[in-house]
Amino acid sequence: MDFYYLPGSAPCRAVQMTAAAVGVELNLKLTDLMKGEHMKPEFLKLNPQHCVPTLVDSGFALWESRAIMCYLVEKYGKPCNNDSLYPTDPQKRAIVNQRLYFDMGTLYQRFGDYYYPQIFEGAPANEANFAKIGEALAFLDTFLEGERFVAGGNGYSLADVSLYATLTTFEVAGYDFSAYVNVLRWYKSMPELIPASDKNRSWAEAARPFFDKVKH
C-alpha cells in the first residue's frame, strides 16, 4: 500500500502505528507540503482534497487518518486483536468512534487553532484559543477517570492510538499537560502497549522546529 505522509504529522503517525498493530507494511511516499507536492496533478487525482495522510491500496484511495485506521483494522486486522482495536459490539464501537471524533474535532482541532496560525501565518498568540485547549484536555481527563484506556475496556483501541499521536505532538510543541493527572498517567502507559510507539516519538521530533518560535 502506498502511504503519502509528512514526517511529524500526528494523523500520519497514528496511521503508521495502526499499520504496525495489524501487521501491514506501508510503502512510504514522502509528500512535502512546503514544496507543493500535494498539489501535483497526479496527487490531486488520488485525493482532490490534497491532504495527508492518504492511503492507496490496490487503486483504492482513502484519506482522513481515522478513516484509514478503521479501514486497516477492518480489512487486515486479525480477529484476536480486532475486538480491542475496533470492537464489533455496536455500543463499544460507538465509544471508540466518539473518542476518535473528539480527537479530530475537539482536541487536535483546538491544538491547531492555537498553534498553526502562529506557525504558518505569523499571527500573534490567541489566549482564548489557548484556554480552549485546556478545556479539551479536561474533557479527556474526565474520559479517563477510573479507566486505563480512553474508550474503556481491557485493551487499547484506535482511539488510544489516535489520541496518543496527538498528545505526542503536544509534548513536542512544549505544551505542559501534567496538571491533567489522568491524561498524564494514560500517556505514560501507552508506549508499552502500542506498536511502533517508540518510532512515533522519534517521528514527532520532525515537527519540533515549527514550534520553537511559538508562544506556550
C-alpha atoms as a PDB file:
ATOM      1  CA  MET A   1       0.000   0.000   0.000  1.00  0.00           C
ATOM      2  CA  ASP A   2       1.283   3.448  -0.862  1.00  0.00           C
ATOM      3  CA  PHE A   3       1.117   5.870   2.026  1.00  0.00           C
ATOM      4  CA  TYR A   4       1.509   9.577   1.325  1.00  0.00           C
ATOM      5  CA  TYR A   5       2.648  11.221   4.511  1.00  0.00           C
ATOM      6  CA  LEU A   6       4.540  14.021   6.183  1.00  0.00           C
ATOM      7  CA  PRO A   7       7.033  13.307   8.985  1.00  0.00           C
ATOM      8  CA  GLY A   8       5.956  14.831  12.259  1.00  0.00           C
ATOM      9  CA  SER A   9       2.251  14.826  11.418  1.00  0.00           C
ATOM     10  CA  ALA A  10       0.180  13.326  14.249  1.00  0.00           C
ATOM     11  CA  PRO A  11      -2.502  11.921  11.896  1.00  0.00           C
ATOM     12  CA  CYS A  12       0.189  10.294   9.751  1.00  0.00           C
ATOM     13  CA  ARG A  13       1.870   8.792  12.806  1.00  0.00           C
ATOM     14  CA  ALA A  14      -1.452   7.422  14.049  1.00  0.00           C
ATOM     15  CA  VAL A  15      -1.890   5.529  10.778  1.00  0.00           C
ATOM     16  CA  GLN A  16       1.668   4.227  10.931  1.00  0.00           C
ATOM     17  CA  MET A  17       1.111   2.875  14.452  1.00  0.00           C
ATOM     18  CA  THR A  18      -2.161   1.287  13.359  1.00  0.00           C
ATOM     19  CA  ALA A  19      -0.416  -0.403  10.436  1.00  0.00           C
ATOM     20  CA  ALA A  20       2.144  -1.797  12.890  1.00  0.00           C
ATOM     21  CA  ALA A  21      -0.653  -3.028  15.157  1.00  0.00           C
ATOM     22  CA  VAL A  22      -2.309  -5.025  12.371  1.00  0.00           C
ATOM     23  CA  GLY A  23       0.957  -6.150  10.799  1.00  0.00           C
ATOM     24  CA  VAL A  24       0.832  -4.462   7.401  1.00  0.00           C
ATOM     25  CA  GLU A  25       3.660  -2.650   5.653  1.00  0.00           C
ATOM     26  CA  LEU A  26       3.264   0.798   4.164  1.00  0.00           C
ATOM     27  CA  ASN A  27       5.181   1.971   1.129  1.00  0.00           C
ATOM     28  CA  LEU A  28       6.071   5.435   2.418  1.00  0.00           C
ATOM     29  CA  LYS A  29       5.689   8.310  -0.027  1.00  0.00           C
ATOM     30  CA  LEU A  30       7.081  11.491   1.486  1.00  0.00           C
ATOM     31  CA  THR A  31       4.850  14.398   0.489  1.00  0.00           C
ATOM     32  CA  ASP A  32       6.411  17.799   1.106  1.00  0.00           C
ATOM     33  CA  LEU A  33       3.577  20.281   1.505  1.00  0.00           C
ATOM     34  CA  MET A  34       6.012  23.190   1.644  1.00  0.00           C
ATOM     35  CA  LYS A  35       7.130  22.324  -1.886  1.00  0.00           C
ATOM     36  CA  GLY A  36       3.553  21.921  -3.097  1.00  0.00           C
ATOM     37  CA  GLU A  37       3.865  18.219  -3.795  1.00  0.00           C
ATOM     38  CA  HIS A  38       0.288  17.728  -2.596  1.00  0.00           C
ATOM     39  CA  MET A  39      -0.910  19.974  -5.435  1.00  0.00           C
ATOM     40  CA  LYS A  40       0.643  17.987  -8.253  1.00  0.00           C
ATOM     41  CA  PRO A  41      -1.909  16.694 -10.802  1.00  0.00           C
ATOM     42  CA  GLU A  42      -1.084  13.056 -10.080  1.00  0.00           C
ATOM     43  CA  PHE A  43      -1.752  13.536  -6.377  1.00  0.00           C
ATOM     44  CA  LEU A  44      -4.951  15.504  -6.979  1.00  0.00           C
ATOM     45  CA  LYS A  45      -6.258  12.558  -8.982  1.00  0.00           C
ATOM     46  CA  LEU A  46      -5.853  10.400  -5.898  1.00  0.00           C
ATOM     47  CA  ASN A  47      -7.106  12.949  -3.411  1.00  0.00           C
ATOM     48  CA  PRO A  48      -8.875  16.111  -4.621  1.00  0.00           C
ATOM     49  CA  GLN A  49      -8.686  17.479  -1.063  1.00  0.00           C
ATOM     50  CA  HIS A  50      -4.880  17.327  -1.440  1.00  0.00           C
ATOM     51  CA  CYS A  51      -4.159  16.424   2.175  1.00  0.00           C
ATOM     52  CA  VAL A  52      -2.058  13.899   4.024  1.00  0.00           C
ATOM     53  CA  PRO A  53      -2.225  11.205   5.110  1.00  0.00           C
ATOM     54  CA  THR A  54      -3.535   9.458   2.010  1.00  0.00           C
ATOM     55  CA  LEU A  55      -3.537   5.687   1.568  1.00  0.00           C
ATOM     56  CA  VAL A  56      -3.729   3.883  -1.782  1.00  0.00           C
ATOM     57  CA  ASP A  57      -4.493   0.170  -1.526  1.00  0.00           C
ATOM     58  CA  SER A  58      -4.590  -1.567  -4.917  1.00  0.00           C
ATOM     59  CA  GLY A  59      -6.039   1.535  -6.549  1.00  0.00           C
ATOM     60  CA  PHE A  60      -8.395   2.366  -3.697  1.00  0.00           C
ATOM     61  CA  ALA A  61      -7.557   5.814  -2.349  1.00  0.00           C
ATOM     62  CA  LEU A  62      -8.598   6.952   1.111  1.00  0.00           C
ATOM     63  CA  TRP A  63      -7.738   9.973   3.239  1.00  0.00           C
ATOM     64  CA  GLU A  64      -8.513  11.271   6.752  1.00  0.00           C
ATOM     65  CA  SER A  65      -6.352   9.395   9.215  1.00  0.00           C
ATOM     66  CA  ARG A  66      -9.119   7.991  11.388  1.00  0.00           C
ATOM     67  CA  ALA A  67     -10.987   6.587   8.378  1.00  0.00           C
ATOM     68  CA  ILE A  68      -7.740   4.983   7.203  1.00  0.00           C
ATOM     69  CA  MET A  69      -7.140   3.494  10.651  1.00  0.00           C
ATOM     70  CA  CYS A  70     -10.604   1.912  10.738  1.00  0.00           C
ATOM     71  CA  TYR A  71     -10.139   0.586   7.213  1.00  0.00           C
ATOM     72  CA  LEU A  72      -6.814  -1.059   8.052  1.00  0.00           C
ATOM     73  CA  VAL A  73      -8.256  -2.836  11.083  1.00  0.00           C
ATOM     74  CA  GLU A  74     -11.435  -3.950   9.314  1.00  0.00           C
ATOM     75  CA  LYS A  75      -9.581  -5.281   6.275  1.00  0.00           C
ATOM     76  CA  TYR A  76      -6.287  -6.519   7.689  1.00  0.00           C
ATOM     77  CA  GLY A  77      -6.712  -6.882  11.443  1.00  0.00           C
ATOM     78  CA  LYS A  78      -6.668 -10.331  12.989  1.00  0.00           C
ATOM     79  CA  PRO A  79      -9.779 -11.456  14.883  1.00  0.00           C
ATOM     80  CA  CYS A  80      -7.713 -11.871  18.050  1.00  0.00           C
ATOM     81  CA  ASN A  81      -6.918  -8.164  18.282  1.00  0.00           C
ATOM     82  CA  ASN A  82      -9.761  -6.585  16.328  1.00  0.00           C
ATOM     83  CA  ASP A  83     -12.185  -6.540  19.229  1.00  0.00           C
ATOM     84  CA  SER A  84      -9.911  -4.297  21.237  1.00  0.00           C
ATOM     85  CA  LEU A  85      -8.727  -2.057  18.420  1.00  0.00           C
ATOM     86  CA  TYR A  86     -12.143  -1.542  16.868  1.00  0.00           C
ATOM     87  CA  PRO A  87     -14.858  -3.522  18.689  1.00  0.00           C
ATOM     88  CA  THR A  88     -17.666  -5.264  16.836  1.00  0.00           C
ATOM     89  CA  ASP A  89     -20.148  -4.595  19.647  1.00  0.00           C
ATOM     90  CA  PRO A  90     -22.160  -1.548  18.465  1.00  0.00           C
ATOM     91  CA  GLN A  91     -22.011   0.317  21.763  1.00  0.00           C
ATOM     92  CA  LYS A  92     -18.303  -0.330  22.359  1.00  0.00           C
ATOM     93  CA  ARG A  93     -17.523   0.695  18.794  1.00  0.00           C
ATOM     94  CA  ALA A  94     -19.644   3.814  19.206  1.00  0.00           C
ATOM     95  CA  ILE A  95     -17.494   4.893  22.164  1.00  0.00           C
ATOM     96  CA  VAL A  96     -14.315   4.351  20.142  1.00  0.00           C
ATOM     97  CA  ASN A  97     -15.830   6.382  17.308  1.00  0.00           C
ATOM     98  CA  GLN A  98     -16.850   9.153  19.679  1.00  0.00           C
ATOM     99  CA  ARG A  99     -13.319   9.395  21.050  1.00  0.00           C
ATOM    100  CA  LEU A 100     -11.889   9.428  17.521  1.00  0.00           C
ATOM    101  CA  TYR A 101     -14.243  12.254  16.569  1.00  0.00           C
ATOM    102  CA  PHE A 102     -13.344  14.035  19.802  1.00  0.00           C
ATOM    103  CA  ASP A 103      -9.705  13.869  18.804  1.00  0.00           C
ATOM    104  CA  MET A 104     -10.381  15.142  15.291  1.00  0.00           C
ATOM    105  CA  GLY A 105     -12.987  17.802  16.049  1.00  0.00           C
ATOM    106  CA  THR A 106     -12.061  18.976  19.540  1.00  0.00           C
ATOM    107  CA  LEU A 107      -8.589  18.180  20.890  1.00  0.00           C
ATOM    108  CA  TYR A 108      -6.498  18.183  17.718  1.00  0.00           C
ATOM    109  CA  GLN A 109      -8.652  20.930  16.215  1.00  0.00           C
ATOM    110  CA  ARG A 110      -8.110  23.227  19.189  1.00  0.00           C
ATOM    111  CA  PHE A 111      -4.400  22.498  19.180  1.00  0.00           C
ATOM    112  CA  GLY A 112      -4.278  23.548  15.534  1.00  0.00           C
ATOM    113  CA  ASP A 113      -6.429  26.622  16.108  1.00  0.00           C
ATOM    114  CA  TYR A 114      -3.871  27.922  18.584  1.00  0.00           C
ATOM    115  CA  TYR A 115      -0.554  26.820  17.109  1.00  0.00           C
ATOM    116  CA  TYR A 116      -0.969  26.775  13.342  1.00  0.00           C
ATOM    117  CA  PRO A 117      -1.862  30.459  12.771  1.00  0.00           C
ATOM    118  CA  GLN A 118       1.328  31.359  14.640  1.00  0.00           C
ATOM    119  CA  ILE A 119       3.425  28.871  12.676  1.00  0.00           C
ATOM    120  CA  PHE A 120       2.091  29.356   9.175  1.00  0.00           C
ATOM    121  CA  GLU A 121       0.696  32.897   9.228  1.00  0.00           C
ATOM    122  CA  GLY A 122       2.862  34.644  11.789  1.00  0.00           C
ATOM    123  CA  ALA A 123      -0.240  35.530  13.791  1.00  0.00           C
ATOM    124  CA  PRO A 124       0.002  36.528  17.460  1.00  0.00           C
ATOM    125  CA  ALA A 125      -0.946  34.045  20.160  1.00  0.00           C
ATOM    126  CA  ASN A 126      -4.675  33.909  20.834  1.00  0.00           C
ATOM    127  CA  GLU A 127      -5.177  33.356  24.548  1.00  0.00           C
ATOM    128  CA  ALA A 128      -8.842  32.409  24.135  1.00  0.00           C
ATOM    129  CA  ASN A 129      -7.818  29.585  21.814  1.00  0.00           C
ATOM    130  CA  PHE A 130      -5.123  28.534  24.272  1.00  0.00           C
ATOM    131  CA  ALA A 131      -7.754  28.250  27.017  1.00  0.00           C
ATOM    132  CA  LYS A 132      -9.874  26.025  24.779  1.00  0.00           C
ATOM    133  CA  ILE A 133      -7.026  23.513  24.599  1.00  0.00           C
ATOM    134  CA  GLY A 134      -7.153  23.237  28.374  1.00  0.00           C
ATOM    135  CA  GLU A 135     -10.895  22.689  28.284  1.00  0.00           C
ATOM    136  CA  ALA A 136     -10.442  19.854  25.771  1.00  0.00           C
ATOM    137  CA  LEU A 137      -7.776  18.236  27.934  1.00  0.00           C
ATOM    138  CA  ALA A 138     -10.133  18.462  30.900  1.00  0.00           C
ATOM    139  CA  PHE A 139     -12.713  16.522  28.883  1.00  0.00           C
ATOM    140  CA  LEU A 140     -10.120  13.857  28.087  1.00  0.00           C
ATOM    141  CA  ASP A 141      -9.129  13.730  31.743  1.00  0.00           C
ATOM    142  CA  THR A 142     -12.762  13.026  32.614  1.00  0.00           C
ATOM    143  CA  PHE A 143     -12.994  10.253  30.000  1.00  0.00           C
ATOM    144  CA  LEU A 144     -10.014   8.588  31.682  1.00  0.00           C
ATOM    145  CA  GLU A 145     -11.312   8.826  35.247  1.00  0.00           C
ATOM    146  CA  GLY A 146     -11.084   5.275  36.597  1.00  0.00           C
ATOM    147  CA  GLU A 147     -10.181   3.944  33.149  1.00  0.00           C
ATOM    148  CA  ARG A 148      -6.959   2.580  31.712  1.00  0.00           C
ATOM    149  CA  PHE A 149      -7.984   3.345  28.133  1.00  0.00           C
ATOM    150  CA  VAL A 150      -9.798   6.307  26.622  1.00  0.00           C
ATOM    151  CA  ALA A 151     -12.721   4.190  25.395  1.00  0.00           C
ATOM    152  CA  GLY A 152     -12.741   1.938  28.446  1.00  0.00           C
ATOM    153  CA  GLY A 153     -12.400  -1.797  28.031  1.00  0.00           C
ATOM    154  CA  ASN A 154      -9.471  -4.091  28.647  1.00  0.00           C
ATOM    155  CA  GLY A 155      -7.235  -3.171  25.745  1.00  0.00           C
ATOM    156  CA  TYR A 156      -6.082  -0.181  23.756  1.00  0.00           C
ATOM    157  CA  SER A 157      -8.224   0.880  20.825  1.00  0.00           C
ATOM    158  CA  LEU A 158      -7.831   3.060  17.772  1.00  0.00           C
ATOM    159  CA  ALA A 159      -8.930   5.942  19.964  1.00  0.00           C
ATOM    160  CA  ASP A 160      -5.872   5.452  22.165  1.00  0.00           C
ATOM    161  CA  VAL A 161      -3.618   5.306  19.115  1.00  0.00           C
ATOM    162  CA  SER A 162      -5.010   8.489  17.583  1.00  0.00           C
ATOM    163  CA  LEU A 163      -5.027  10.469  20.821  1.00  0.00           C
ATOM    164  CA  TYR A 164      -1.575   9.224  21.756  1.00  0.00           C
ATOM    165  CA  ALA A 165      -0.226  10.580  18.464  1.00  0.00           C
ATOM    166  CA  THR A 166      -1.916  13.904  19.159  1.00  0.00           C
ATOM    167  CA  LEU A 167      -0.549  14.154  22.705  1.00  0.00           C
ATOM    168  CA  THR A 168       2.938  13.350  21.454  1.00  0.00           C
ATOM    169  CA  THR A 169       2.686  16.452  19.289  1.00  0.00           C
ATOM    170  CA  PHE A 170       1.581  18.394  22.385  1.00  0.00           C
ATOM    171  CA  GLU A 171       4.749  17.224  24.125  1.00  0.00           C
ATOM    172  CA  VAL A 172       6.998  18.133  21.196  1.00  0.00           C
ATOM    173  CA  ALA A 173       5.300  21.530  20.997  1.00  0.00           C
ATOM    174  CA  GLY A 174       6.224  22.164  24.633  1.00  0.00           C
ATOM    175  CA  TYR A 175       2.656  22.127  25.948  1.00  0.00           C
ATOM    176  CA  ASP A 176       2.609  21.122  29.615  1.00  0.00           C
ATOM    177  CA  PHE A 177      -0.345  18.804  30.280  1.00  0.00           C
ATOM    178  CA  SER A 178       1.000  17.413  33.552  1.00  0.00           C
ATOM    179  CA  ALA A 179      -1.845  19.066  35.505  1.00  0.00           C
ATOM    180  CA  TYR A 180      -4.260  16.602  33.911  1.00  0.00           C
ATOM    181  CA  VAL A 181      -3.412  13.653  36.114  1.00  0.00           C
ATOM    182  CA  ASN A 182      -5.425  11.001  34.304  1.00  0.00           C
ATOM    183  CA  VAL A 183      -4.167  12.137  30.918  1.00  0.00           C
ATOM    184  CA  LEU A 184      -0.560  12.047  32.094  1.00  0.00           C
ATOM    185  CA  ARG A 185      -0.971   8.584  33.631  1.00  0.00           C
ATOM    186  CA  TRP A 186      -2.529   7.243  30.447  1.00  0.00           C
ATOM    187  CA  TYR A 187       0.040   8.921  28.202  1.00  0.00           C
ATOM    188  CA  LYS A 188       2.951   7.403  30.108  1.00  0.00           C
ATOM    189  CA  SER A 189       1.407   3.913  29.870  1.00  0.00           C
ATOM    190  CA  MET A 190       0.891   3.854  26.097  1.00  0.00           C
ATOM    191  CA  PRO A 191       4.492   3.236  24.929  1.00  0.00           C
ATOM    192  CA  GLU A 192       4.438  -0.226  26.498  1.00  0.00           C
ATOM    193  CA  LEU A 193       1.285  -1.182  24.615  1.00  0.00           C
ATOM    194  CA  ILE A 194       1.075   0.455  21.210  1.00  0.00           C
ATOM    195  CA  PRO A 195       3.316  -0.998  18.487  1.00  0.00           C
ATOM    196  CA  ALA A 196       5.799   1.462  16.975  1.00  0.00           C
ATOM    197  CA  SER A 197       5.212   3.926  19.818  1.00  0.00           C
ATOM    198  CA  ASP A 198       8.970   4.432  20.065  1.00  0.00           C
ATOM    199  CA  LYS A 199       9.076   5.424  16.418  1.00  0.00           C
ATOM    200  CA  ASN A 200       6.057   7.666  16.980  1.00  0.00           C
ATOM    201  CA  ARG A 201       8.143   9.733  19.393  1.00  0.00           C
ATOM    202  CA  SER A 202      11.118   9.990  17.064  1.00  0.00           C
ATOM    203  CA  TRP A 203       8.899  10.756  14.046  1.00  0.00           C
ATOM    204  CA  ALA A 204       7.216  13.530  16.020  1.00  0.00           C
ATOM    205  CA  GLU A 205      10.546  15.267  16.519  1.00  0.00           C
ATOM    206  CA  ALA A 206      10.457  16.290  12.849  1.00  0.00           C
ATOM    207  CA  ALA A 207       7.814  18.869  13.810  1.00  0.00           C
ATOM    208  CA  ARG A 208       9.811  20.451  16.630  1.00  0.00           C
ATOM    209  CA  PRO A 209      11.360  23.283  14.545  1.00  0.00           C
ATOM    210  CA  PHE A 210       7.879  24.576  13.732  1.00  0.00           C
ATOM    211  CA  PHE A 211       7.071  25.034  17.421  1.00  0.00           C
ATOM    212  CA  ASP A 212      10.317  26.653  18.515  1.00  0.00           C
ATOM    213  CA  LYS A 213       9.012  30.140  17.697  1.00  0.00           C
ATOM    214  CA  VAL A 214       5.538  29.683  19.182  1.00  0.00           C
ATOM    215  CA  LYS A 215       4.384  31.124  22.497  1.00  0.00           C
ATOM    216  CA  HIS A 216       3.447  28.419  25.022  1.00  0.00           C
END
